[in-house]
Amino acid sequence: MDNNAAAIKALELYKINAKLCDPHPSKKGTSSAYLENNSKGAHNNSCTDRKMNKKEMQGPRDDFKDVTFLTEDKIYEILELCREKEDYSPLIRVIGRVFSSAEALVQSFRKAKHHTKEELKSLQGKDEDKDEDEKEKAACSAAAMEEDSGASSSSSSRIGDNTQGDNNLQKLGPDEVSVDIEAVRRVYDRLLSNEKIETAFLNALVYLSPNVECDLTYHNVYSRDPNYLNLFIIVMENGNLHSPEYLEMALPLFCKAMSKLPLAAQAKLVRLWSKYRADQIRRMMETFQQLITYKVISNEFNSRNLVNDDDAVVAASKCLKMVYYANVVGGDVDTDHNEEEDEEPIPESSELTLQELLGEERRNKKGPRVDPLETELGVKTIDCRKPLIPFEEFINEPLNDVLEMDKDYTFFKVETENKFSFMTCPFILNAVTKNLGLYYDNRIRMYSERRITVLYSLVQGQQLNPYLRLKVRRDHIIDDALVRLEMIAMENPADLKKQLYVEFEGEQGVDEGGVSKEFFQLVVEEIFNPDIGMFTYDESTKLFWFNPSSFETEGQFTLIGIVLGLAIYNNCILDVHFPMVVYRKLMGKKGTFRDLADSHPVLYQSLRDLLEYEGSVEDDMMITFQISHTDLFGNPMMHDLKENGDKIPITNENRKNLDFQALEETTEYDGGYTRDSLIIREFWEIVHSFTDEQKRLFLQFTTGTDRAPVGGLGKLKMIIAKNGPDTERLPTSHTCFNVLLLPEYSSKEKLKERLLKAITYAKGFGML
């Protein structure tokens, strides 16, 4: 019936004093005043009275058996009740139950969902469509469910409930996590000061870890639920993990479980930790280092009882690797400025080699081994100019003292799943241990070369020399050594891998290593003698650098490099000090302006001052694009940085030496384009209007580097070639030849849009 009919019926029943109906089962315990109020107020009072009566009957809760996950609010609620009663056993039981269950811990401390404006409007619209009575019923029903489930805190305490799934959680990006890390830290700060509560965390971790290890090893749990990573994030925020109580059992078990994380999960954890502060990274690093040191000191490791077989040390080292890469990724990383790789594959001969005939695999076929985690992260240690904390802090000296490097090297080369090699975690090894590993590697190579030489001699009937022999005169040591090495490098460079034997002309003696060391020391003294003029020595930095005025050719410097390489290969350590840029170049990185800070600090600071000067560079400094230096005899020499550089003043506009006007003047055209083509004129108008950052992106896109060469951009000899008619395709380039392939776009606006997109997204997304 409608409202009017209901009102009439009610009056009729009132006149005859009709008996009132019993309250609805969901409203038992309410007073008779419920029926005397209006409909809306009646519903509200029913909910409120029911809550009050139930709480009065129950009294303060002290079991919390229904708590299946934790939030910050829930922790504080239980903590407050425990303080009032001066009994913390309920909180201890809850922590023990939740922190010992992987499912419960994964659901705990979730971030609240922040609705977008569109979602809020949608929810509001749905609410407005509801009938008023339905809203009231829903409100009472929700209150009843809340009471029946035992929830007594704010609505945020229900975030992460399994019954709700992840509907209340934020939609996360690929590197985001659903756990509220700040809330976890605040909870630990409040609770870890209580010894009994801390014991609950300890015992729960002992119970939790084996189950987690089983889940990751056999049940592939992370692929089914990426939120499983929350468990490790929460546990690692415990600031007491490195304390003695954890080192005996809890932390080793947890490390074993954590080391089972799949590669994608490890990378995600690394990227998360890379956003932490340096002191937080150091705390985690010290946690795993403490465990490694404790296990090493408390056991007697030797050649029969290898440290490689200790599960706790191995697991802690694997976990430390994640912290190490977080330290790298979170530091000052420069992933650009890599040397161009040879893009053309080397054709392989169809003829079988002797090694293949003998069943020997081709060595170094895949190049140096790359750590899978490094590949997953897309970053190398060499890319990090400055980590969050120094690399030296990751070295564990007690471990280096007990490591049997010959056994460890064998495990590294064989790559068995059953044996762990600490060479896969090189950051933990000191220079002495690494040098020993290099020694074994070089000796095995030398032995292999001798073996192959003997086999060749047997097959071909030739008497070949299994060693690399050098016969030199003491008073002509440089000439004799370089001439002999040059011949070997041209005729048979594989001989350089053989073991070196040096003989001084006119002297008796067999080279058992000592003669070679003396040879290298004499060569280095001669090469780096300032009177020779190949290198200069900076007293302020205590480093050597290449003399720009040297009379030596590039080939002679190459031979010097071979000598230094032979010294390292034959385990001769030399007293040679180069700036870091030299070693970065050896690892495939290009030198940049930043490298001057290490190699030429005075020059670096002067150029920085020039770039950052806020006044008028031209009026105040009166300098040009010309530099001066001294030759071998101390005479001053002038050198123009660009053509007619002595006549071009440095100004605020050109002090970054990106002279695109000079680039335009020297650019050549191909495929139908000429200097007067409409699209070419529009192209240069667009390029000249670019910002400095966009100009550098353009240079990077077309030449592979964002810097001008010696002599300025006019020395680039760039080529712009026609690449078909109007199209939606982006411009492309051949950086090896400085060639820009430019389609003939239909308008200047389209040309600019396509060009900007090409240079902006030239890296990643498969567009290189």
Foldseek 3Di string as FASTA:
>chain_A
DDPVVVVVVVVVCVVVVHDDDDDDPLQPPDDPCLVVDDDLVSLVVSLVRVVVVVCVVPPDDQAPPLQLAFELQRLVVNVVVCVVVVHCVNVLVVLLRQLLDLLRQLLYQFDFADDDPVVVVVVVVVVVPDDPVVVSVVVSVVSVVCVVSPPDTDPVGCRSPVVVPNPRFYDDDLLDAGHDLVSLLVSLVVQVVDPSSVVSNLVSLLNRLVVLLCCLPPVVVCVVPVSSLSSVSSNLSNLCCQPPSNLPGRLLSNLSSVLSHDLSSLLSLLQVLLPPALVSLVSSLVSLLSNLVVVLVVDDFAPVRAPQQDSSNLSSLSVNVSSVSSQQVSAAFALAQFFDDDPDDDDDDPDDDPCVVVVHDDPCPVPDDDQPSCVVNVGDSLRGPDTSDDLQVLARVSNQVRHPLVVLLVCVVVVDPNTHHCVSVCSHHDPVSVLVSLQVVLVVLQVVQLVVQVVCCVVVVDDDDSAAEFEEELVCLLVRQLVSVVVCVVPPVSRLSHHYWYHYPPDDDGCPPPVLLVSLASNVCVCPPVLQPQWDADPVLRAIDGRPQHPDDPSSVVSVVSSVVSCSSNSHDDPHHHWPQVVSVVVRGHDDLVSCCGHPVVVSVVLVCLLPPPDWCCVPVVAWQKDWDAHSVRHIDIDGQAVVRRVHTDTNVCSLQAPVVLLLVLEAEEAPDHCPDPVNVLVVVLQVPDDLVLVLLLCCQQAVGSHADRRGNNPLHAYEYEDEEADLAAWHYDNVNSYIHAHHHPDSVSRNVRPSVCSVPVDDPPND
